[in-house]
Amino acid sequence: MTQGDTPDWRPLEQTVGMELTGDFMWMFEVTLADGRRLQAYKHICTRRYVHLDADGAAFVYESRERYRSRPAADVLAGVFATLPGLYGVTDEQVARSWAAVDRLEETADPSRP
């Protein structure tokens, strides 16, 4: 973890849109060995993380100091997987979340992991 004081919401806003950004908490920033900085966001209901770089590339935490690049749609599908049925989660919230995943799948760059 590099810092935990100054949130950077831009990668999340660009990836899921403003309508879903409020469903997340910014947690911290991580700097990878190659110098790339990741913003860590935790979903307020599912408590699952998405890590995004400045370009919106998604990563998953694998083990101590190890992150793996994954398609953003796949990472967010994992974050949203347990939304249906959670206390207080509305059908509208579920629909908005999965619509974001659908948009990411439609616009995904096939050369990007």
N, C-alpha and C. Protein backbone atom coordinates (compact mmCIF):
# COMPACT_ATOMS: atom_id res chain seq x y z
N MET A 1 0.84 -1.17 0.00
CA MET A 1 0.00 0.00 0.00
C MET A 1 0.89 1.23 0.00
N THR A 2 0.62 2.13 -0.92
CA THR A 2 1.41 3.35 -1.03
C THR A 2 0.82 4.46 -0.17
N GLN A 3 -0.49 4.66 -0.28
CA GLN A 3 -1.12 5.71 0.51
C GLN A 3 -2.60 5.39 0.69
N GLY A 4 -3.16 5.95 1.76
CA GLY A 4 -4.55 5.72 2.07
C GLY A 4 -5.27 6.99 2.49
N ASP A 5 -4.76 8.13 2.04
CA ASP A 5 -5.33 9.41 2.46
C ASP A 5 -6.07 10.18 1.37
N THR A 6 -5.62 10.06 0.13
CA THR A 6 -6.17 10.88 -0.95
C THR A 6 -6.83 9.98 -2.00
N PRO A 7 -8.15 9.90 -1.98
CA PRO A 7 -8.84 9.02 -2.94
C PRO A 7 -8.72 9.53 -4.38
N ASP A 8 -8.65 8.60 -5.29
CA ASP A 8 -8.71 8.90 -6.72
C ASP A 8 -9.88 8.11 -7.29
N TRP A 9 -10.97 8.79 -7.56
CA TRP A 9 -12.21 8.16 -8.04
C TRP A 9 -12.25 8.03 -9.56
N ARG A 10 -11.37 8.71 -10.28
CA ARG A 10 -11.44 8.73 -11.74
C ARG A 10 -11.44 7.35 -12.39
N PRO A 11 -10.55 6.42 -12.01
CA PRO A 11 -10.59 5.11 -12.66
C PRO A 11 -11.94 4.39 -12.48
N LEU A 12 -12.51 4.49 -11.30
CA LEU A 12 -13.80 3.83 -11.07
C LEU A 12 -14.92 4.53 -11.84
N GLU A 13 -14.93 5.86 -11.82
CA GLU A 13 -15.95 6.60 -12.56
C GLU A 13 -15.89 6.27 -14.05
N GLN A 14 -14.69 6.17 -14.61
CA GLN A 14 -14.54 5.86 -16.03
C GLN A 14 -14.94 4.42 -16.34
N THR A 15 -14.80 3.54 -15.38
CA THR A 15 -15.06 2.13 -15.62
C THR A 15 -16.52 1.76 -15.41
N VAL A 16 -17.13 2.20 -14.31
CA VAL A 16 -18.52 1.80 -14.02
C VAL A 16 -19.52 2.92 -14.21
N GLY A 17 -19.06 4.15 -14.31
CA GLY A 17 -19.96 5.29 -14.44
C GLY A 17 -20.31 5.90 -13.11
N MET A 18 -20.74 7.12 -13.17
CA MET A 18 -21.07 7.87 -11.95
C MET A 18 -22.19 7.22 -11.15
N GLU A 19 -23.15 6.59 -11.84
CA GLU A 19 -24.30 6.02 -11.13
C GLU A 19 -23.93 4.88 -10.19
N LEU A 20 -22.78 4.23 -10.42
CA LEU A 20 -22.37 3.13 -9.54
C LEU A 20 -21.23 3.49 -8.59
N THR A 21 -20.56 4.59 -8.85
CA THR A 21 -19.41 4.96 -8.01
C THR A 21 -19.80 5.06 -6.54
N GLY A 22 -21.00 5.54 -6.26
CA GLY A 22 -21.46 5.66 -4.88
C GLY A 22 -21.68 4.35 -4.16
N ASP A 23 -21.63 3.23 -4.90
CA ASP A 23 -21.78 1.91 -4.29
C ASP A 23 -20.44 1.36 -3.78
N PHE A 24 -19.38 2.15 -3.93
CA PHE A 24 -18.04 1.71 -3.55
C PHE A 24 -17.42 2.66 -2.53
N MET A 25 -16.46 2.14 -1.80
CA MET A 25 -15.61 2.93 -0.91
C MET A 25 -14.19 2.88 -1.49
N TRP A 26 -13.53 4.02 -1.53
CA TRP A 26 -12.11 4.00 -1.89
C TRP A 26 -11.35 3.57 -0.64
N MET A 27 -10.42 2.63 -0.81
CA MET A 27 -9.72 2.09 0.35
C MET A 27 -8.26 2.54 0.43
N PHE A 28 -7.52 2.40 -0.67
CA PHE A 28 -6.10 2.74 -0.66
C PHE A 28 -5.54 2.69 -2.07
N GLU A 29 -4.29 3.10 -2.19
CA GLU A 29 -3.56 3.04 -3.45
C GLU A 29 -2.38 2.11 -3.28
N VAL A 30 -2.10 1.33 -4.32
CA VAL A 30 -0.98 0.40 -4.33
C VAL A 30 -0.08 0.76 -5.51
N THR A 31 1.22 0.70 -5.31
CA THR A 31 2.15 0.89 -6.42
C THR A 31 2.78 -0.45 -6.75
N LEU A 32 2.62 -0.87 -8.01
CA LEU A 32 3.20 -2.14 -8.46
C LEU A 32 4.69 -1.98 -8.73
N ALA A 33 5.38 -3.10 -8.89
CA ALA A 33 6.82 -3.09 -9.13
C ALA A 33 7.17 -2.31 -10.39
N ASP A 34 6.26 -2.27 -11.39
CA ASP A 34 6.53 -1.54 -12.63
C ASP A 34 6.20 -0.05 -12.51
N GLY A 35 5.79 0.39 -11.32
CA GLY A 35 5.49 1.80 -11.08
C GLY A 35 4.03 2.17 -11.29
N ARG A 36 3.26 1.25 -11.85
CA ARG A 36 1.83 1.53 -12.07
C ARG A 36 1.12 1.61 -10.73
N ARG A 37 0.21 2.58 -10.60
CA ARG A 37 -0.55 2.74 -9.36
C ARG A 37 -1.96 2.20 -9.55
N LEU A 38 -2.39 1.42 -8.57
CA LEU A 38 -3.74 0.87 -8.58
C LEU A 38 -4.55 1.52 -7.47
N GLN A 39 -5.80 1.82 -7.77
CA GLN A 39 -6.73 2.31 -6.76
C GLN A 39 -7.57 1.12 -6.32
N ALA A 40 -7.70 0.93 -5.02
CA ALA A 40 -8.48 -0.18 -4.47
C ALA A 40 -9.83 0.35 -4.00
N TYR A 41 -10.90 -0.25 -4.52
CA TYR A 41 -12.26 0.13 -4.16
C TYR A 41 -12.98 -1.11 -3.62
N LYS A 42 -13.76 -0.92 -2.57
CA LYS A 42 -14.52 -2.03 -1.99
C LYS A 42 -16.01 -1.72 -2.12
N HIS A 43 -16.76 -2.70 -2.62
CA HIS A 43 -18.20 -2.53 -2.78
C HIS A 43 -18.85 -2.51 -1.39
N ILE A 44 -19.76 -1.57 -1.17
CA ILE A 44 -20.33 -1.39 0.17
C ILE A 44 -21.22 -2.55 0.60
N CYS A 45 -21.80 -3.26 -0.35
CA CYS A 45 -22.70 -4.37 0.01
C CYS A 45 -22.00 -5.72 -0.01
N THR A 46 -21.26 -6.00 -1.08
CA THR A 46 -20.65 -7.33 -1.21
C THR A 46 -19.32 -7.42 -0.49
N ARG A 47 -18.71 -6.27 -0.19
CA ARG A 47 -17.40 -6.18 0.49
C ARG A 47 -16.27 -6.75 -0.38
N ARG A 48 -16.50 -6.86 -1.67
CA ARG A 48 -15.48 -7.36 -2.59
C ARG A 48 -14.76 -6.19 -3.25
N TYR A 49 -13.51 -6.44 -3.60
CA TYR A 49 -12.64 -5.39 -4.14
C TYR A 49 -12.52 -5.43 -5.65
N VAL A 50 -12.30 -4.24 -6.21
CA VAL A 50 -11.82 -4.08 -7.57
C VAL A 50 -10.63 -3.14 -7.49
N HIS A 51 -9.56 -3.49 -8.19
CA HIS A 51 -8.35 -2.67 -8.24
C HIS A 51 -8.21 -2.19 -9.69
N LEU A 52 -8.09 -0.89 -9.88
CA LEU A 52 -8.02 -0.31 -11.22
C LEU A 52 -6.82 0.62 -11.35
N ASP A 53 -6.17 0.57 -12.52
CA ASP A 53 -5.12 1.54 -12.78
C ASP A 53 -5.73 2.79 -13.41
N ALA A 54 -4.92 3.76 -13.73
CA ALA A 54 -5.41 5.04 -14.25
C ALA A 54 -6.15 4.89 -15.58
N ASP A 55 -5.85 3.83 -16.33
CA ASP A 55 -6.50 3.59 -17.62
C ASP A 55 -7.74 2.70 -17.50
N GLY A 56 -8.07 2.28 -16.29
CA GLY A 56 -9.23 1.43 -16.09
C GLY A 56 -8.94 -0.05 -16.23
N ALA A 57 -7.67 -0.43 -16.37
CA ALA A 57 -7.32 -1.85 -16.40
C ALA A 57 -7.55 -2.42 -15.00
N ALA A 58 -8.18 -3.59 -14.94
CA ALA A 58 -8.54 -4.19 -13.65
C ALA A 58 -7.53 -5.25 -13.24
N PHE A 59 -7.41 -5.39 -11.94
CA PHE A 59 -6.48 -6.36 -11.36
C PHE A 59 -7.16 -7.05 -10.18
N VAL A 60 -6.74 -8.27 -9.91
CA VAL A 60 -7.18 -8.98 -8.72
C VAL A 60 -5.96 -9.25 -7.84
N TYR A 61 -6.19 -9.18 -6.55
CA TYR A 61 -5.15 -9.47 -5.58
C TYR A 61 -5.06 -10.98 -5.44
N GLU A 62 -3.86 -11.53 -5.63
CA GLU A 62 -3.69 -12.97 -5.55
C GLU A 62 -3.03 -13.44 -4.28
N SER A 63 -1.98 -12.77 -3.90
CA SER A 63 -1.27 -13.12 -2.67
C SER A 63 -0.40 -11.94 -2.30
N ARG A 64 0.30 -12.06 -1.24
CA ARG A 64 1.12 -10.95 -0.73
C ARG A 64 1.87 -10.27 -1.88
N GLU A 65 1.51 -9.01 -2.11
CA GLU A 65 2.16 -8.16 -3.10
C GLU A 65 2.08 -8.70 -4.53
N ARG A 66 1.06 -9.51 -4.84
CA ARG A 66 0.90 -10.05 -6.19
C ARG A 66 -0.49 -9.72 -6.71
N TYR A 67 -0.51 -9.07 -7.86
CA TYR A 67 -1.75 -8.70 -8.53
C TYR A 67 -1.71 -9.27 -9.94
N ARG A 68 -2.87 -9.71 -10.42
CA ARG A 68 -2.96 -10.24 -11.78
C ARG A 68 -3.98 -9.42 -12.56
N SER A 69 -3.59 -9.07 -13.78
CA SER A 69 -4.49 -8.33 -14.67
C SER A 69 -5.61 -9.26 -15.14
N ARG A 70 -6.84 -8.74 -15.09
CA ARG A 70 -8.02 -9.50 -15.53
C ARG A 70 -8.95 -8.53 -16.25
N PRO A 71 -9.80 -9.03 -17.13
CA PRO A 71 -10.79 -8.14 -17.76
C PRO A 71 -11.68 -7.48 -16.71
N ALA A 72 -11.90 -6.19 -16.88
CA ALA A 72 -12.70 -5.44 -15.91
C ALA A 72 -14.08 -6.04 -15.75
N ALA A 73 -14.69 -6.49 -16.84
CA ALA A 73 -16.03 -7.10 -16.76
C ALA A 73 -16.01 -8.33 -15.87
N ASP A 74 -14.96 -9.14 -15.96
CA ASP A 74 -14.86 -10.34 -15.13
C ASP A 74 -14.69 -9.99 -13.65
N VAL A 75 -13.83 -9.00 -13.38
CA VAL A 75 -13.60 -8.60 -11.99
C VAL A 75 -14.89 -8.06 -11.38
N LEU A 76 -15.58 -7.20 -12.12
CA LEU A 76 -16.82 -6.63 -11.60
C LEU A 76 -17.92 -7.67 -11.49
N ALA A 77 -17.95 -8.64 -12.37
CA ALA A 77 -18.93 -9.72 -12.24
C ALA A 77 -18.71 -10.45 -10.92
N GLY A 78 -17.46 -10.63 -10.54
CA GLY A 78 -17.16 -11.24 -9.25
C GLY A 78 -17.57 -10.37 -8.08
N VAL A 79 -17.38 -9.07 -8.23
CA VAL A 79 -17.77 -8.13 -7.17
C VAL A 79 -19.29 -8.14 -6.99
N PHE A 80 -20.03 -8.19 -8.10
CA PHE A 80 -21.49 -8.10 -8.04
C PHE A 80 -22.19 -9.45 -7.87
N ALA A 81 -21.45 -10.55 -7.92
CA ALA A 81 -22.07 -11.88 -7.94
C ALA A 81 -23.02 -12.14 -6.78
N THR A 82 -22.71 -11.66 -5.61
CA THR A 82 -23.55 -11.95 -4.45
C THR A 82 -24.58 -10.86 -4.14
N LEU A 83 -24.68 -9.85 -5.01
CA LEU A 83 -25.65 -8.77 -4.76
C LEU A 83 -27.09 -9.27 -4.62
N PRO A 84 -27.59 -10.08 -5.58
CA PRO A 84 -28.98 -10.53 -5.44
C PRO A 84 -29.18 -11.28 -4.12
N GLY A 85 -30.17 -10.88 -3.40
CA GLY A 85 -30.48 -11.56 -2.13
C GLY A 85 -29.85 -10.94 -0.90
N LEU A 86 -28.92 -10.01 -1.07
CA LEU A 86 -28.34 -9.36 0.11
C LEU A 86 -29.36 -8.39 0.70
N TYR A 87 -29.39 -8.32 1.99
CA TYR A 87 -30.33 -7.45 2.68
C TYR A 87 -30.16 -6.00 2.24
N GLY A 88 -31.25 -5.36 1.87
CA GLY A 88 -31.25 -3.96 1.52
C GLY A 88 -30.89 -3.66 0.08
N VAL A 89 -30.47 -4.65 -0.68
CA VAL A 89 -30.11 -4.43 -2.08
C VAL A 89 -31.37 -4.50 -2.93
N THR A 90 -31.58 -3.48 -3.73
CA THR A 90 -32.79 -3.42 -4.55
C THR A 90 -32.56 -4.07 -5.92
N ASP A 91 -33.66 -4.44 -6.55
CA ASP A 91 -33.59 -4.99 -7.91
C ASP A 91 -32.96 -3.96 -8.85
N GLU A 92 -33.26 -2.68 -8.62
CA GLU A 92 -32.69 -1.62 -9.46
C GLU A 92 -31.18 -1.57 -9.31
N GLN A 93 -30.68 -1.71 -8.09
CA GLN A 93 -29.24 -1.70 -7.87
C GLN A 93 -28.57 -2.88 -8.57
N VAL A 94 -29.18 -4.04 -8.50
CA VAL A 94 -28.65 -5.23 -9.17
C VAL A 94 -28.63 -4.99 -10.68
N ALA A 95 -29.72 -4.47 -11.22
CA ALA A 95 -29.81 -4.24 -12.66
C ALA A 95 -28.77 -3.22 -13.13
N ARG A 96 -28.57 -2.13 -12.38
CA ARG A 96 -27.56 -1.12 -12.73
C ARG A 96 -26.16 -1.72 -12.72
N SER A 97 -25.90 -2.56 -11.74
CA SER A 97 -24.58 -3.16 -11.61
C SER A 97 -24.28 -4.08 -12.79
N TRP A 98 -25.23 -4.94 -13.13
CA TRP A 98 -25.01 -5.88 -14.24
C TRP A 98 -25.02 -5.16 -15.58
N ALA A 99 -25.72 -4.04 -15.68
CA ALA A 99 -25.68 -3.25 -16.92
C ALA A 99 -24.27 -2.72 -17.15
N ALA A 100 -23.58 -2.34 -16.09
CA ALA A 100 -22.20 -1.87 -16.21
C ALA A 100 -21.30 -3.00 -16.71
N VAL A 101 -21.49 -4.20 -16.21
CA VAL A 101 -20.71 -5.36 -16.67
C VAL A 101 -20.99 -5.60 -18.15
N ASP A 102 -22.25 -5.54 -18.55
CA ASP A 102 -22.61 -5.73 -19.96
C ASP A 102 -21.93 -4.69 -20.84
N ARG A 103 -21.92 -3.42 -20.42
CA ARG A 103 -21.26 -2.36 -21.19
C ARG A 103 -19.77 -2.64 -21.35
N LEU A 104 -19.15 -3.09 -20.26
CA LEU A 104 -17.72 -3.39 -20.33
C LEU A 104 -17.44 -4.55 -21.26
N GLU A 105 -18.29 -5.56 -21.25
CA GLU A 105 -18.09 -6.70 -22.16
C GLU A 105 -18.23 -6.28 -23.61
N GLU A 106 -19.18 -5.39 -23.89
CA GLU A 106 -19.42 -4.93 -25.26
C GLU A 106 -18.27 -4.09 -25.79
N THR A 107 -17.61 -3.36 -24.92
CA THR A 107 -16.54 -2.45 -25.36
C THR A 107 -15.15 -3.00 -25.07
N ALA A 108 -15.05 -4.23 -24.62
CA ALA A 108 -13.75 -4.79 -24.22
C ALA A 108 -12.80 -4.88 -25.41
N ASP A 109 -11.56 -4.58 -25.14
CA ASP A 109 -10.49 -4.71 -26.12
C ASP A 109 -10.03 -6.16 -26.06
N PRO A 110 -10.19 -6.94 -27.15
CA PRO A 110 -9.83 -8.35 -27.10
C PRO A 110 -8.35 -8.61 -26.85
N SER A 111 -7.49 -7.62 -27.07
CA SER A 111 -6.07 -7.82 -26.81
C SER A 111 -5.68 -7.55 -25.37
N ARG A 112 -6.63 -7.04 -24.58
CA ARG A 112 -6.35 -6.69 -23.19
C ARG A 112 -6.84 -7.80 -22.27
N PRO A 113 -5.97 -8.26 -21.37
CA PRO A 113 -6.42 -9.32 -20.44
C PRO A 113 -7.51 -8.87 -19.53
